[in-house]
Amino acid sequence: MRSMNSNPSFTVFVAVLALWLILPDASIRAQSETSFVPVTDAMLQAPDPDNWLMWRRTLNSWGYSPLDQIDLNNVGTIRLQWSRALGPGLQ
């Protein structure tokens, strides 16, 4: 009769079980509960100008920023600060 520990399936099972017991739970590495702010319907209806919660900022996809750091007096001074080239192929 052969030994149980010579069975490859048993060895894999023991290894996975050991990792499951040793490694911390994924929820421990996640964001802490105290810093989590759930998104409400009210937040989506009237989004904070500083925090775009969805694509194009509003439910009607307006995409306009109400922030006022850029105006008619300084828009001409805007310059490209960084860019990232895309690799070849479909984007």
PDB file of N, CA and C in Angstrom:
ATOM      1  N   MET A   1       0.842  -1.172   0.000  1.00  0.00           N
ATOM      2  CA  MET A   1       0.000   0.000   0.000  1.00  0.00           C
ATOM      3  C   MET A   1       0.891   1.239   0.000  1.00  0.00           C
ATOM      4  N   ARG A   2       0.560   2.184  -0.870  1.00  0.00           N
ATOM      5  CA  ARG A   2       1.421   3.371  -0.943  1.00  0.00           C
ATOM      6  C   ARG A   2       0.996   4.421   0.071  1.00  0.00           C
ATOM      7  N   SER A   3       1.898   5.300   0.380  1.00  0.00           N
ATOM      8  CA  SER A   3       1.665   6.324   1.394  1.00  0.00           C
ATOM      9  C   SER A   3       0.751   7.417   0.828  1.00  0.00           C
ATOM     10  N   MET A   4      -0.054   8.083   1.683  1.00  0.00           N
ATOM     11  CA  MET A   4      -0.966   9.145   1.254  1.00  0.00           C
ATOM     12  C   MET A   4      -0.217  10.345   0.697  1.00  0.00           C
ATOM     13  N   ASN A   5       0.925  10.664   1.247  1.00  0.00           N
ATOM     14  CA  ASN A   5       1.636  11.859   0.822  1.00  0.00           C
ATOM     15  C   ASN A   5       2.349  11.697  -0.510  1.00  0.00           C
ATOM     16  N   SER A   6       2.306  10.528  -1.150  1.00  0.00           N
ATOM     17  CA  SER A   6       2.896  10.367  -2.477  1.00  0.00           C
ATOM     18  C   SER A   6       1.868  10.659  -3.564  1.00  0.00           C
ATOM     19  N   ASN A   7       0.623  10.907  -3.184  1.00  0.00           N
ATOM     20  CA  ASN A   7      -0.436  11.219  -4.129  1.00  0.00           C
ATOM     21  C   ASN A   7      -0.322  12.699  -4.509  1.00  0.00           C
ATOM     22  N   PRO A   8      -0.126  13.035  -5.817  1.00  0.00           N
ATOM     23  CA  PRO A   8       0.023  14.440  -6.220  1.00  0.00           C
ATOM     24  C   PRO A   8      -1.194  15.298  -5.873  1.00  0.00           C
ATOM     25  N   SER A   9      -2.384  14.745  -6.005  1.00  0.00           N
ATOM     26  CA  SER A   9      -3.587  15.515  -5.678  1.00  0.00           C
ATOM     27  C   SER A   9      -3.618  15.874  -4.204  1.00  0.00           C
ATOM     28  N   PHE A  10      -3.214  14.949  -3.368  1.00  0.00           N
ATOM     29  CA  PHE A  10      -3.182  15.204  -1.934  1.00  0.00           C
ATOM     30  C   PHE A  10      -2.142  16.271  -1.613  1.00  0.00           C
ATOM     31  N   THR A  11      -0.996  16.222  -2.282  1.00  0.00           N
ATOM     32  CA  THR A  11       0.065  17.203  -2.060  1.00  0.00           C
ATOM     33  C   THR A  11      -0.411  18.604  -2.440  1.00  0.00           C
ATOM     34  N   VAL A  12      -1.103  18.719  -3.572  1.00  0.00           N
ATOM     35  CA  VAL A  12      -1.629  20.016  -4.004  1.00  0.00           C
ATOM     36  C   VAL A  12      -2.669  20.500  -3.002  1.00  0.00           C
ATOM     37  N   PHE A  13      -3.540  19.603  -2.542  1.00  0.00           N
ATOM     38  CA  PHE A  13      -4.560  19.972  -1.563  1.00  0.00           C
ATOM     39  C   PHE A  13      -3.927  20.519  -0.291  1.00  0.00           C
ATOM     40  N   VAL A  14      -2.894  19.837   0.197  1.00  0.00           N
ATOM     41  CA  VAL A  14      -2.228  20.275   1.428  1.00  0.00           C
ATOM     42  C   VAL A  14      -1.557  21.634   1.215  1.00  0.00           C
ATOM     43  N   ALA A  15      -0.938  21.841   0.041  1.00  0.00           N
ATOM     44  CA  ALA A  15      -0.272  23.116  -0.242  1.00  0.00           C
ATOM     45  C   ALA A  15      -1.285  24.258  -0.279  1.00  0.00           C
ATOM     46  N   VAL A  16      -2.418  24.027  -0.942  1.00  0.00           N
ATOM     47  CA  VAL A  16      -3.452  25.068  -1.026  1.00  0.00           C
ATOM     48  C   VAL A  16      -4.033  25.339   0.357  1.00  0.00           C
ATOM     49  N   LEU A  17      -4.275  24.314   1.113  1.00  0.00           N
ATOM     50  CA  LEU A  17      -4.791  24.487   2.465  1.00  0.00           C
ATOM     51  C   LEU A  17      -3.810  25.276   3.328  1.00  0.00           C
ATOM     52  N   ALA A  18      -2.524  24.966   3.219  1.00  0.00           N
ATOM     53  CA  ALA A  18      -1.511  25.684   3.996  1.00  0.00           C
ATOM     54  C   ALA A  18      -1.472  27.161   3.614  1.00  0.00           C
ATOM     55  N   LEU A  19      -1.534  27.468   2.314  1.00  0.00           N
ATOM     56  CA  LEU A  19      -1.533  28.860   1.874  1.00  0.00           C
ATOM     57  C   LEU A  19      -2.782  29.584   2.366  1.00  0.00           C
ATOM     58  N   TRP A  20      -3.914  28.912   2.322  1.00  0.00           N
ATOM     59  CA  TRP A  20      -5.164  29.513   2.776  1.00  0.00           C
ATOM     60  C   TRP A  20      -5.103  29.853   4.264  1.00  0.00           C
ATOM     61  N   LEU A  21      -4.448  29.007   5.027  1.00  0.00           N
ATOM     62  CA  LEU A  21      -4.339  29.253   6.458  1.00  0.00           C
ATOM     63  C   LEU A  21      -3.280  30.297   6.798  1.00  0.00           C
ATOM     64  N   ILE A  22      -2.228  30.365   5.993  1.00  0.00           N
ATOM     65  CA  ILE A  22      -1.101  31.251   6.283  1.00  0.00           C
ATOM     66  C   ILE A  22      -1.352  32.675   5.783  1.00  0.00           C
ATOM     67  N   LEU A  23      -1.851  32.804   4.545  1.00  0.00           N
ATOM     68  CA  LEU A  23      -2.021  34.125   3.954  1.00  0.00           C
ATOM     69  C   LEU A  23      -3.194  34.846   4.594  1.00  0.00           C
ATOM     70  N   PRO A  24      -3.069  36.170   4.789  1.00  0.00           N
ATOM     71  CA  PRO A  24      -4.174  36.916   5.383  1.00  0.00           C
ATOM     72  C   PRO A  24      -5.359  36.975   4.435  1.00  0.00           C
ATOM     73  N   ASP A  25      -6.516  37.128   5.007  1.00  0.00           N
ATOM     74  CA  ASP A  25      -7.747  37.250   4.247  1.00  0.00           C
ATOM     75  C   ASP A  25      -7.668  38.500   3.364  1.00  0.00           C
ATOM     76  N   ALA A  26      -8.218  38.434   2.148  1.00  0.00           N
ATOM     77  CA  ALA A  26      -8.176  39.571   1.220  1.00  0.00           C
ATOM     78  C   ALA A  26      -8.880  40.794   1.799  1.00  0.00           C
ATOM     79  N   SER A  27      -9.886  40.587   2.621  1.00  0.00           N
ATOM     80  CA  SER A  27     -10.600  41.735   3.181  1.00  0.00           C
ATOM     81  C   SER A  27      -9.728  42.543   4.128  1.00  0.00           C
ATOM     82  N   ILE A  28      -8.712  41.932   4.698  1.00  0.00           N
ATOM     83  CA  ILE A  28      -7.797  42.656   5.583  1.00  0.00           C
ATOM     84  C   ILE A  28      -6.971  43.648   4.778  1.00  0.00           C
ATOM     85  N   ARG A  29      -6.619  43.267   3.550  1.00  0.00           N
ATOM     86  CA  ARG A  29      -5.802  44.135   2.705  1.00  0.00           C
ATOM     87  C   ARG A  29      -6.647  45.193   1.998  1.00  0.00           C
ATOM     88  N   ALA A  30      -7.949  45.085   2.053  1.00  0.00           N
ATOM     89  CA  ALA A  30      -8.829  46.016   1.361  1.00  0.00           C
ATOM     90  C   ALA A  30      -8.907  47.338   2.127  1.00  0.00           C
ATOM     91  N   GLN A  31      -9.586  48.281   1.527  1.00  0.00           N
ATOM     92  CA  GLN A  31      -9.781  49.589   2.133  1.00  0.00           C
ATOM     93  C   GLN A  31     -10.477  49.425   3.489  1.00  0.00           C
ATOM     94  N   SER A  32     -10.057  50.217   4.438  1.00  0.00           N
ATOM     95  CA  SER A  32     -10.664  50.100   5.763  1.00  0.00           C
ATOM     96  C   SER A  32     -12.090  50.639   5.745  1.00  0.00           C
ATOM     97  N   GLU A  33     -12.915  50.129   6.616  1.00  0.00           N
ATOM     98  CA  GLU A  33     -14.314  50.552   6.692  1.00  0.00           C
ATOM     99  C   GLU A  33     -14.455  52.025   7.034  1.00  0.00           C
ATOM    100  N   THR A  34     -13.561  52.555   7.843  1.00  0.00           N
ATOM    101  CA  THR A  34     -13.686  53.936   8.292  1.00  0.00           C
ATOM    102  C   THR A  34     -13.472  54.930   7.163  1.00  0.00           C
ATOM    103  N   SER A  35     -12.690  54.585   6.123  1.00  0.00           N
ATOM    104  CA  SER A  35     -12.450  55.526   5.038  1.00  0.00           C
ATOM    105  C   SER A  35     -13.391  55.303   3.858  1.00  0.00           C
ATOM    106  N   PHE A  36     -14.226  54.275   3.899  1.00  0.00           N
ATOM    107  CA  PHE A  36     -15.141  53.971   2.806  1.00  0.00           C
ATOM    108  C   PHE A  36     -16.367  54.871   2.879  1.00  0.00           C
ATOM    109  N   VAL A  37     -16.670  55.540   1.773  1.00  0.00           N
ATOM    110  CA  VAL A  37     -17.870  56.377   1.697  1.00  0.00           C
ATOM    111  C   VAL A  37     -18.735  55.814   0.575  1.00  0.00           C
ATOM    112  N   PRO A  38     -19.884  55.247   0.903  1.00  0.00           N
ATOM    113  CA  PRO A  38     -20.734  54.682  -0.150  1.00  0.00           C
ATOM    114  C   PRO A  38     -21.304  55.774  -1.047  1.00  0.00           C
ATOM    115  N   VAL A  39     -21.461  55.461  -2.320  1.00  0.00           N
ATOM    116  CA  VAL A  39     -22.044  56.403  -3.274  1.00  0.00           C
ATOM    117  C   VAL A  39     -23.559  56.303  -3.181  1.00  0.00           C
ATOM    118  N   THR A  40     -24.192  57.451  -3.032  1.00  0.00           N
ATOM    119  CA  THR A  40     -25.649  57.483  -2.903  1.00  0.00           C
ATOM    120  C   THR A  40     -26.273  58.030  -4.182  1.00  0.00           C
ATOM    121  N   ASP A  41     -27.578  57.857  -4.329  1.00  0.00           N
ATOM    122  CA  ASP A  41     -28.285  58.427  -5.472  1.00  0.00           C
ATOM    123  C   ASP A  41     -28.151  59.946  -5.490  1.00  0.00           C
ATOM    124  N   ALA A  42     -28.202  60.561  -4.316  1.00  0.00           N
ATOM    125  CA  ALA A  42     -28.072  62.022  -4.230  1.00  0.00           C
ATOM    126  C   ALA A  42     -26.706  62.475  -4.743  1.00  0.00           C
ATOM    127  N   MET A  43     -25.666  61.720  -4.445  1.00  0.00           N
ATOM    128  CA  MET A  43     -24.319  62.065  -4.919  1.00  0.00           C
ATOM    129  C   MET A  43     -24.241  61.957  -6.437  1.00  0.00           C
ATOM    130  N   LEU A  44     -24.938  60.998  -7.017  1.00  0.00           N
ATOM    131  CA  LEU A  44     -24.936  60.846  -8.469  1.00  0.00           C
ATOM    132  C   LEU A  44     -25.792  61.914  -9.147  1.00  0.00           C
ATOM    133  N   GLN A  45     -26.850  62.344  -8.486  1.00  0.00           N
ATOM    134  CA  GLN A  45     -27.730  63.381  -9.042  1.00  0.00           C
ATOM    135  C   GLN A  45     -27.053  64.750  -9.043  1.00  0.00           C
ATOM    136  N   ALA A  46     -26.284  65.045  -8.004  1.00  0.00           N
ATOM    137  CA  ALA A  46     -25.600  66.336  -7.879  1.00  0.00           C
ATOM    138  C   ALA A  46     -24.149  66.077  -7.468  1.00  0.00           C
ATOM    139  N   PRO A  47     -23.298  65.662  -8.407  1.00  0.00           N
ATOM    140  CA  PRO A  47     -21.930  65.289  -8.060  1.00  0.00           C
ATOM    141  C   PRO A  47     -21.092  66.475  -7.589  1.00  0.00           C
ATOM    142  N   ASP A  48     -20.185  66.180  -6.667  1.00  0.00           N
ATOM    143  CA  ASP A  48     -19.227  67.166  -6.186  1.00  0.00           C
ATOM    144  C   ASP A  48     -18.312  67.541  -7.353  1.00  0.00           C
ATOM    145  N   PRO A  49     -18.062  68.824  -7.594  1.00  0.00           N
ATOM    146  CA  PRO A  49     -17.208  69.229  -8.707  1.00  0.00           C
ATOM    147  C   PRO A  49     -15.810  68.608  -8.654  1.00  0.00           C
ATOM    148  N   ASP A  50     -15.305  68.338  -7.460  1.00  0.00           N
ATOM    149  CA  ASP A  50     -13.960  67.786  -7.314  1.00  0.00           C
ATOM    150  C   ASP A  50     -13.897  66.273  -7.475  1.00  0.00           C
ATOM    151  N   ASN A  51     -15.032  65.601  -7.545  1.00  0.00           N
ATOM    152  CA  ASN A  51     -15.030  64.146  -7.504  1.00  0.00           C
ATOM    153  C   ASN A  51     -15.974  63.591  -8.563  1.00  0.00           C
ATOM    154  N   TRP A  52     -15.435  63.224  -9.719  1.00  0.00           N
ATOM    155  CA  TRP A  52     -16.248  62.683 -10.796  1.00  0.00           C
ATOM    156  C   TRP A  52     -16.503  61.219 -10.489  1.00  0.00           C
ATOM    157  N   LEU A  53     -17.722  60.865 -10.166  1.00  0.00           N
ATOM    158  CA  LEU A  53     -18.069  59.510  -9.776  1.00  0.00           C
ATOM    159  C   LEU A  53     -18.396  58.619 -10.961  1.00  0.00           C
ATOM    160  N   MET A  54     -18.543  59.192 -12.135  1.00  0.00           N
ATOM    161  CA  MET A  54     -18.892  58.404 -13.318  1.00  0.00           C
ATOM    162  C   MET A  54     -18.293  59.053 -14.558  1.00  0.00           C
ATOM    163  N   TRP A  55     -18.319  58.308 -15.632  1.00  0.00           N
ATOM    164  CA  TRP A  55     -17.817  58.801 -16.912  1.00  0.00           C
ATOM    165  C   TRP A  55     -18.583  60.061 -17.289  1.00  0.00           C
ATOM    166  N   ARG A  56     -17.903  61.111 -17.654  1.00  0.00           N
ATOM    167  CA  ARG A  56     -18.449  62.404 -18.080  1.00  0.00           C
ATOM    168  C   ARG A  56     -19.157  63.164 -16.961  1.00  0.00           C
ATOM    169  N   ARG A  57     -18.958  62.788 -15.718  1.00  0.00           N
ATOM    170  CA  ARG A  57     -19.325  63.471 -14.485  1.00  0.00           C
ATOM    171  C   ARG A  57     -20.794  63.440 -14.107  1.00  0.00           C
ATOM    172  N   THR A  58     -21.718  63.634 -15.027  1.00  0.00           N
ATOM    173  CA  THR A  58     -23.133  63.699 -14.668  1.00  0.00           C
ATOM    174  C   THR A  58     -23.927  62.594 -15.350  1.00  0.00           C
ATOM    175  N   LEU A  59     -25.135  62.359 -14.861  1.00  0.00           N
ATOM    176  CA  LEU A  59     -25.990  61.319 -15.438  1.00  0.00           C
ATOM    177  C   LEU A  59     -26.350  61.603 -16.895  1.00  0.00           C
ATOM    178  N   ASN A  60     -26.367  62.874 -17.297  1.00  0.00           N
ATOM    179  CA  ASN A  60     -26.680  63.206 -18.686  1.00  0.00           C
ATOM    180  C   ASN A  60     -25.420  63.294 -19.555  1.00  0.00           C
ATOM    181  N   SER A  61     -24.289  62.826 -19.026  1.00  0.00           N
ATOM    182  CA  SER A  61     -23.003  62.793 -19.757  1.00  0.00           C
ATOM    183  C   SER A  61     -22.552  64.170 -20.218  1.00  0.00           C
ATOM    184  N   TRP A  62     -22.806  65.176 -19.404  1.00  0.00           N
ATOM    185  CA  TRP A  62     -22.465  66.536 -19.767  1.00  0.00           C
ATOM    186  C   TRP A  62     -20.954  66.692 -19.950  1.00  0.00           C
ATOM    187  N   GLY A  63     -20.166  66.162 -19.030  1.00  0.00           N
ATOM    188  CA  GLY A  63     -18.716  66.212 -19.167  1.00  0.00           C
ATOM    189  C   GLY A  63     -18.116  67.586 -18.942  1.00  0.00           C
ATOM    190  N   TYR A  64     -18.867  68.507 -18.426  1.00  0.00           N
ATOM    191  CA  TYR A  64     -18.373  69.857 -18.160  1.00  0.00           C
ATOM    192  C   TYR A  64     -17.919  69.951 -16.715  1.00  0.00           C
ATOM    193  N   SER A  65     -16.764  70.568 -16.508  1.00  0.00           N
ATOM    194  CA  SER A  65     -16.274  70.756 -15.154  1.00  0.00           C
ATOM    195  C   SER A  65     -16.652  72.144 -14.642  1.00  0.00           C
ATOM    196  N   PRO A  66     -17.327  72.210 -13.508  1.00  0.00           N
ATOM    197  CA  PRO A  66     -17.676  73.514 -12.938  1.00  0.00           C
ATOM    198  C   PRO A  66     -16.507  74.172 -12.202  1.00  0.00           C
ATOM    199  N   LEU A  67     -15.354  73.535 -12.189  1.00  0.00           N
ATOM    200  CA  LEU A  67     -14.199  74.137 -11.521  1.00  0.00           C
ATOM    201  C   LEU A  67     -13.805  75.415 -12.251  1.00  0.00           C
ATOM    202  N   ASP A  68     -13.278  76.386 -11.514  1.00  0.00           N
ATOM    203  CA  ASP A  68     -13.029  77.693 -12.116  1.00  0.00           C
ATOM    204  C   ASP A  68     -11.567  78.139 -12.100  1.00  0.00           C
ATOM    205  N   GLN A  69     -10.634  77.197 -11.967  1.00  0.00           N
ATOM    206  CA  GLN A  69      -9.224  77.592 -11.987  1.00  0.00           C
ATOM    207  C   GLN A  69      -8.779  78.074 -13.366  1.00  0.00           C
ATOM    208  N   ILE A  70      -9.438  77.618 -14.414  1.00  0.00           N
ATOM    209  CA  ILE A  70      -9.116  78.050 -15.769  1.00  0.00           C
ATOM    210  C   ILE A  70     -10.249  78.939 -16.250  1.00  0.00           C
ATOM    211  N   ASP A  71      -9.878  80.140 -16.720  1.00  0.00           N
ATOM    212  CA  ASP A  71     -10.884  81.074 -17.209  1.00  0.00           C
ATOM    213  C   ASP A  71     -10.373  81.746 -18.486  1.00  0.00           C
ATOM    214  N   LEU A  72     -11.108  82.715 -19.009  1.00  0.00           N
ATOM    215  CA  LEU A  72     -10.712  83.379 -20.256  1.00  0.00           C
ATOM    216  C   LEU A  72      -9.381  84.103 -20.126  1.00  0.00           C
ATOM    217  N   ASN A  73      -9.007  84.516 -18.936  1.00  0.00           N
ATOM    218  CA  ASN A  73      -7.762  85.264 -18.744  1.00  0.00           C
ATOM    219  C   ASN A  73      -6.525  84.373 -18.758  1.00  0.00           C
ATOM    220  N   ASN A  74      -6.643  83.095 -18.356  1.00  0.00           N
ATOM    221  CA  ASN A  74      -5.440  82.258 -18.284  1.00  0.00           C
ATOM    222  C   ASN A  74      -5.484  81.028 -19.191  1.00  0.00           C
ATOM    223  N   VAL A  75      -6.543  80.855 -19.968  1.00  0.00           N
ATOM    224  CA  VAL A  75      -6.638  79.671 -20.817  1.00  0.00           C
ATOM    225  C   VAL A  75      -5.509  79.614 -21.851  1.00  0.00           C
ATOM    226  N   GLY A  76      -5.021  80.749 -22.286  1.00  0.00           N
ATOM    227  CA  GLY A  76      -3.939  80.790 -23.275  1.00  0.00           C
ATOM    228  C   GLY A  76      -2.595  80.324 -22.728  1.00  0.00           C
ATOM    229  N   THR A  77      -2.465  80.209 -21.423  1.00  0.00           N
ATOM    230  CA  THR A  77      -1.189  79.795 -20.832  1.00  0.00           C
ATOM    231  C   THR A  77      -1.113  78.282 -20.593  1.00  0.00           C
ATOM    232  N   ILE A  78      -2.185  77.561 -20.915  1.00  0.00           N
ATOM    233  CA  ILE A  78      -2.197  76.108 -20.688  1.00  0.00           C
ATOM    234  C   ILE A  78      -1.223  75.440 -21.649  1.00  0.00           C
ATOM    235  N   ARG A  79      -0.394  74.562 -21.118  1.00  0.00           N
ATOM    236  CA  ARG A  79       0.584  73.821 -21.913  1.00  0.00           C
ATOM    237  C   ARG A  79       0.522  72.346 -21.545  1.00  0.00           C
ATOM    238  N   LEU A  80       0.895  71.491 -22.477  1.00  0.00           N
ATOM    239  CA  LEU A  80       0.950  70.059 -22.233  1.00  0.00           C
ATOM    240  C   LEU A  80       1.991  69.769 -21.161  1.00  0.00           C
ATOM    241  N   GLN A  81       1.604  69.068 -20.115  1.00  0.00           N
ATOM    242  CA  GLN A  81       2.516  68.743 -19.022  1.00  0.00           C
ATOM    243  C   GLN A  81       3.050  67.324 -19.116  1.00  0.00           C
ATOM    244  N   TRP A  82       2.284  66.399 -19.643  1.00  0.00           N
ATOM    245  CA  TRP A  82       2.741  65.030 -19.785  1.00  0.00           C
ATOM    246  C   TRP A  82       1.888  64.332 -20.831  1.00  0.00           C
ATOM    247  N   SER A  83       2.416  63.259 -21.369  1.00  0.00           N
ATOM    248  CA  SER A  83       1.678  62.415 -22.303  1.00  0.00           C
ATOM    249  C   SER A  83       2.251  61.014 -22.218  1.00  0.00           C
ATOM    250  N   ARG A  84       1.524  60.089 -22.739  1.00  0.00           N
ATOM    251  CA  ARG A  84       1.985  58.700 -22.763  1.00  0.00           C
ATOM    252  C   ARG A  84       1.676  58.125 -24.126  1.00  0.00           C
ATOM    253  N   ALA A  85       2.697  57.639 -24.794  1.00  0.00           N
ATOM    254  CA  ALA A  85       2.505  57.060 -26.114  1.00  0.00           C
ATOM    255  C   ALA A  85       1.789  55.728 -26.001  1.00  0.00           C
ATOM    256  N   LEU A  86       0.938  55.443 -26.960  1.00  0.00           N
ATOM    257  CA  LEU A  86       0.246  54.171 -27.010  1.00  0.00           C
ATOM    258  C   LEU A  86       1.014  53.223 -27.915  1.00  0.00           C
ATOM    259  N   GLY A  87       0.999  51.975 -27.567  1.00  0.00           N
ATOM    260  CA  GLY A  87       1.676  50.984 -28.384  1.00  0.00           C
ATOM    261  C   GLY A  87       0.915  50.749 -29.687  1.00  0.00           C
ATOM    262  N   PRO A  88       1.545  50.076 -30.627  1.00  0.00           N
ATOM    263  CA  PRO A  88       0.870  49.790 -31.888  1.00  0.00           C
ATOM    264  C   PRO A  88      -0.306  48.832 -31.666  1.00  0.00           C
ATOM    265  N   GLY A  89      -1.298  48.962 -32.534  1.00  0.00           N
ATOM    266  CA  GLY A  89      -2.444  48.065 -32.456  1.00  0.00           C
ATOM    267  C   GLY A  89      -3.714  48.818 -32.123  1.00  0.00           C
ATOM    268  N   LEU A  90      -4.781  48.072 -31.915  1.00  0.00           N
ATOM    269  CA  LEU A  90      -6.078  48.668 -31.597  1.00  0.00           C
ATOM    270  C   LEU A  90      -6.059  49.242 -30.189  1.00  0.00           C
ATOM    271  N   GLN A  91      -6.675  50.390 -30.037  1.00  0.00           N
ATOM    272  CA  GLN A  91      -6.718  51.023 -28.721  1.00  0.00           C
ATOM    273  C   GLN A  91      -8.115  51.007 -28.189  1.00  0.00           C
TER     274      GLN A  91
END
